[in-house]
Amino acid sequence: MTLNMLFFTITIKKRKMTAEEYLHQQNIKKLRDEIIDKTLFYRNF
């Protein structure tokens, strides 16, 4: 009887964001929230 096994180890490290990336993410979140608010406002009519 032959037993063949293959093992993989995957390591995921959280990357630290730079100030520029942080500001970019904040702008994206702000724009997304504005679009959602507008959509909900017009949907009620």
PDB file of N, CA and C in Angstrom:
ATOM      1  N   MET A   1       0.846  -1.173   0.000  1.00  0.00           N
ATOM      2  CA  MET A   1       0.000   0.000   0.000  1.00  0.00           C
ATOM      3  C   MET A   1       0.897   1.244   0.000  1.00  0.00           C
ATOM      4  N   THR A   2       0.574   2.178  -0.864  1.00  0.00           N
ATOM      5  CA  THR A   2       1.349   3.406  -0.966  1.00  0.00           C
ATOM      6  C   THR A   2       0.468   4.582  -0.561  1.00  0.00           C
ATOM      7  N   LEU A   3       1.017   5.446   0.278  1.00  0.00           N
ATOM      8  CA  LEU A   3       0.282   6.626   0.732  1.00  0.00           C
ATOM      9  C   LEU A   3       1.070   7.866   0.336  1.00  0.00           C
ATOM     10  N   ASN A   4       0.519   8.613  -0.598  1.00  0.00           N
ATOM     11  CA  ASN A   4       1.165   9.843  -1.057  1.00  0.00           C
ATOM     12  C   ASN A   4       0.392  11.039  -0.524  1.00  0.00           C
ATOM     13  N   MET A   5       1.112  11.947   0.113  1.00  0.00           N
ATOM     14  CA  MET A   5       0.471  13.145   0.669  1.00  0.00           C
ATOM     15  C   MET A   5       1.251  14.374   0.241  1.00  0.00           C
ATOM     16  N   LEU A   6       0.511  15.425   0.039  1.00  0.00           N
ATOM     17  CA  LEU A   6       1.113  16.694  -0.342  1.00  0.00           C
ATOM     18  C   LEU A   6       0.544  17.755   0.601  1.00  0.00           C
ATOM     19  N   PHE A   7       1.419  18.456   1.291  1.00  0.00           N
ATOM     20  CA  PHE A   7       0.984  19.453   2.267  1.00  0.00           C
ATOM     21  C   PHE A   7       1.362  20.855   1.801  1.00  0.00           C
ATOM     22  N   PHE A   8       0.436  21.788   1.982  1.00  0.00           N
ATOM     23  CA  PHE A   8       0.677  23.193   1.668  1.00  0.00           C
ATOM     24  C   PHE A   8       0.473  24.016   2.932  1.00  0.00           C
ATOM     25  N   THR A   9       1.324  24.960   3.130  1.00  0.00           N
ATOM     26  CA  THR A   9       1.157  25.903   4.227  1.00  0.00           C
ATOM     27  C   THR A   9       1.021  27.294   3.619  1.00  0.00           C
ATOM     28  N   ILE A  10      -0.078  27.926   3.947  1.00  0.00           N
ATOM     29  CA  ILE A  10      -0.329  29.271   3.427  1.00  0.00           C
ATOM     30  C   ILE A  10      -0.354  30.232   4.604  1.00  0.00           C
ATOM     31  N   THR A  11       0.458  31.259   4.507  1.00  0.00           N
ATOM     32  CA  THR A  11       0.518  32.275   5.551  1.00  0.00           C
ATOM     33  C   THR A  11       0.032  33.595   4.980  1.00  0.00           C
ATOM     34  N   ILE A  12      -0.910  34.191   5.680  1.00  0.00           N
ATOM     35  CA  ILE A  12      -1.460  35.467   5.240  1.00  0.00           C
ATOM     36  C   ILE A  12      -1.123  36.503   6.305  1.00  0.00           C
ATOM     37  N   LYS A  13      -0.460  37.562   5.857  1.00  0.00           N
ATOM     38  CA  LYS A  13      -0.115  38.640   6.774  1.00  0.00           C
ATOM     39  C   LYS A  13      -0.898  39.886   6.382  1.00  0.00           C
ATOM     40  N   LYS A  14      -1.428  40.563   7.382  1.00  0.00           N
ATOM     41  CA  LYS A  14      -2.146  41.796   7.106  1.00  0.00           C
ATOM     42  C   LYS A  14      -1.139  42.885   6.783  1.00  0.00           C
ATOM     43  N   ARG A  15      -1.388  43.542   5.656  1.00  0.00           N
ATOM     44  CA  ARG A  15      -0.494  44.584   5.188  1.00  0.00           C
ATOM     45  C   ARG A  15      -0.870  45.902   5.844  1.00  0.00           C
ATOM     46  N   LYS A  16       0.128  46.670   6.266  1.00  0.00           N
ATOM     47  CA  LYS A  16      -0.139  47.976   6.852  1.00  0.00           C
ATOM     48  C   LYS A  16      -0.374  48.989   5.743  1.00  0.00           C
ATOM     49  N   MET A  17      -1.414  49.802   5.928  1.00  0.00           N
ATOM     50  CA  MET A  17      -1.765  50.787   4.908  1.00  0.00           C
ATOM     51  C   MET A  17      -0.957  52.064   5.121  1.00  0.00           C
ATOM     52  N   THR A  18      -0.593  52.666   4.015  1.00  0.00           N
ATOM     53  CA  THR A  18       0.079  53.960   4.077  1.00  0.00           C
ATOM     54  C   THR A  18      -0.987  55.038   4.273  1.00  0.00           C
ATOM     55  N   ALA A  19      -0.545  56.239   4.587  1.00  0.00           N
ATOM     56  CA  ALA A  19      -1.483  57.351   4.795  1.00  0.00           C
ATOM     57  C   ALA A  19      -2.269  57.629   3.520  1.00  0.00           C
ATOM     58  N   GLU A  20      -1.601  57.524   2.378  1.00  0.00           N
ATOM     59  CA  GLU A  20      -2.269  57.768   1.104  1.00  0.00           C
ATOM     60  C   GLU A  20      -3.354  56.726   0.846  1.00  0.00           C
ATOM     61  N   GLU A  21      -3.062  55.461   1.119  1.00  0.00           N
ATOM     62  CA  GLU A  21      -4.057  54.399   0.930  1.00  0.00           C
ATOM     63  C   GLU A  21      -5.227  54.578   1.891  1.00  0.00           C
ATOM     64  N   TYR A  22      -4.919  55.004   3.115  1.00  0.00           N
ATOM     65  CA  TYR A  22      -5.975  55.216   4.106  1.00  0.00           C
ATOM     66  C   TYR A  22      -6.925  56.320   3.639  1.00  0.00           C
ATOM     67  N   LEU A  23      -6.368  57.439   3.161  1.00  0.00           N
ATOM     68  CA  LEU A  23      -7.203  58.534   2.664  1.00  0.00           C
ATOM     69  C   LEU A  23      -8.027  58.108   1.454  1.00  0.00           C
ATOM     70  N   HIS A  24      -7.427  57.309   0.585  1.00  0.00           N
ATOM     71  CA  HIS A  24      -8.146  56.815  -0.585  1.00  0.00           C
ATOM     72  C   HIS A  24      -9.334  55.954  -0.157  1.00  0.00           C
ATOM     73  N   GLN A  25      -9.123  55.074   0.797  1.00  0.00           N
ATOM     74  CA  GLN A  25     -10.203  54.216   1.290  1.00  0.00           C
ATOM     75  C   GLN A  25     -11.304  55.044   1.954  1.00  0.00           C
ATOM     76  N   GLN A  26     -10.912  56.090   2.672  1.00  0.00           N
ATOM     77  CA  GLN A  26     -11.902  56.956   3.307  1.00  0.00           C
ATOM     78  C   GLN A  26     -12.746  57.668   2.257  1.00  0.00           C
ATOM     79  N   ASN A  27     -12.103  58.142   1.174  1.00  0.00           N
ATOM     80  CA  ASN A  27     -12.847  58.807   0.095  1.00  0.00           C
ATOM     81  C   ASN A  27     -13.814  57.850  -0.575  1.00  0.00           C
ATOM     82  N   ILE A  28     -13.381  56.631  -0.789  1.00  0.00           N
ATOM     83  CA  ILE A  28     -14.260  55.622  -1.405  1.00  0.00           C
ATOM     84  C   ILE A  28     -15.467  55.376  -0.511  1.00  0.00           C
ATOM     85  N   LYS A  29     -15.232  55.225   0.781  1.00  0.00           N
ATOM     86  CA  LYS A  29     -16.333  54.977   1.722  1.00  0.00           C
ATOM     87  C   LYS A  29     -17.302  56.161   1.738  1.00  0.00           C
ATOM     88  N   LYS A  30     -16.781  57.381   1.731  1.00  0.00           N
ATOM     89  CA  LYS A  30     -17.618  58.578   1.739  1.00  0.00           C
ATOM     90  C   LYS A  30     -18.495  58.639   0.491  1.00  0.00           C
ATOM     91  N   LEU A  31     -17.890  58.399  -0.677  1.00  0.00           N
ATOM     92  CA  LEU A  31     -18.649  58.421  -1.926  1.00  0.00           C
ATOM     93  C   LEU A  31     -19.702  57.320  -1.968  1.00  0.00           C
ATOM     94  N   ARG A  32     -19.338  56.143  -1.505  1.00  0.00           N
ATOM     95  CA  ARG A  32     -20.287  55.022  -1.479  1.00  0.00           C
ATOM     96  C   ARG A  32     -21.477  55.357  -0.586  1.00  0.00           C
ATOM     97  N   ASP A  33     -21.200  55.934   0.589  1.00  0.00           N
ATOM     98  CA  ASP A  33     -22.289  56.310   1.499  1.00  0.00           C
ATOM     99  C   ASP A  33     -23.194  57.369   0.888  1.00  0.00           C
ATOM    100  N   GLU A  34     -22.600  58.346   0.183  1.00  0.00           N
ATOM    101  CA  GLU A  34     -23.410  59.380  -0.470  1.00  0.00           C
ATOM    102  C   GLU A  34     -24.321  58.777  -1.538  1.00  0.00           C
ATOM    103  N   ILE A  35     -23.801  57.866  -2.313  1.00  0.00           N
ATOM    104  CA  ILE A  35     -24.598  57.226  -3.372  1.00  0.00           C
ATOM    105  C   ILE A  35     -25.737  56.420  -2.758  1.00  0.00           C
ATOM    106  N   ILE A  36     -25.441  55.706  -1.693  1.00  0.00           N
ATOM    107  CA  ILE A  36     -26.482  54.914  -1.032  1.00  0.00           C
ATOM    108  C   ILE A  36     -27.563  55.821  -0.477  1.00  0.00           C
ATOM    109  N   ASP A  37     -27.157  56.940   0.155  1.00  0.00           N
ATOM    110  CA  ASP A  37     -28.142  57.876   0.702  1.00  0.00           C
ATOM    111  C   ASP A  37     -29.031  58.451  -0.393  1.00  0.00           C
ATOM    112  N   LYS A  38     -28.441  58.848  -1.521  1.00  0.00           N
ATOM    113  CA  LYS A  38     -29.222  59.393  -2.630  1.00  0.00           C
ATOM    114  C   LYS A  38     -30.190  58.352  -3.175  1.00  0.00           C
ATOM    115  N   THR A  39     -29.713  57.130  -3.315  1.00  0.00           N
ATOM    116  CA  THR A  39     -30.553  56.059  -3.842  1.00  0.00           C
ATOM    117  C   THR A  39     -31.744  55.810  -2.924  1.00  0.00           C
ATOM    118  N   LEU A  40     -31.490  55.757  -1.625  1.00  0.00           N
ATOM    119  CA  LEU A  40     -32.583  55.516  -0.682  1.00  0.00           C
ATOM    120  C   LEU A  40     -33.559  56.688  -0.656  1.00  0.00           C
ATOM    121  N   PHE A  41     -33.040  57.901  -0.793  1.00  0.00           N
ATOM    122  CA  PHE A  41     -33.908  59.080  -0.795  1.00  0.00           C
ATOM    123  C   PHE A  41     -34.856  59.047  -1.986  1.00  0.00           C
ATOM    124  N   TYR A  42     -34.336  58.767  -3.172  1.00  0.00           N
ATOM    125  CA  TYR A  42     -35.172  58.772  -4.373  1.00  0.00           C
ATOM    126  C   TYR A  42     -36.051  57.534  -4.478  1.00  0.00           C
ATOM    127  N   ARG A  43     -35.677  56.482  -3.818  1.00  0.00           N
ATOM    128  CA  ARG A  43     -36.466  55.259  -3.870  1.00  0.00           C
ATOM    129  C   ARG A  43     -37.782  55.429  -3.118  1.00  0.00           C
ATOM    130  N   ASN A  44     -37.793  56.308  -2.125  1.00  0.00           N
ATOM    131  CA  ASN A  44     -39.002  56.495  -1.313  1.00  0.00           C
ATOM    132  C   ASN A  44     -40.111  57.223  -2.063  1.00  0.00           C
ATOM    133  N   PHE A  45     -39.812  57.843  -3.181  1.00  0.00           N
ATOM    134  CA  PHE A  45     -40.837  58.573  -3.930  1.00  0.00           C
ATOM    135  C   PHE A  45     -41.488  57.726  -4.970  1.00  0.00           C
TER     136      PHE A  45
END
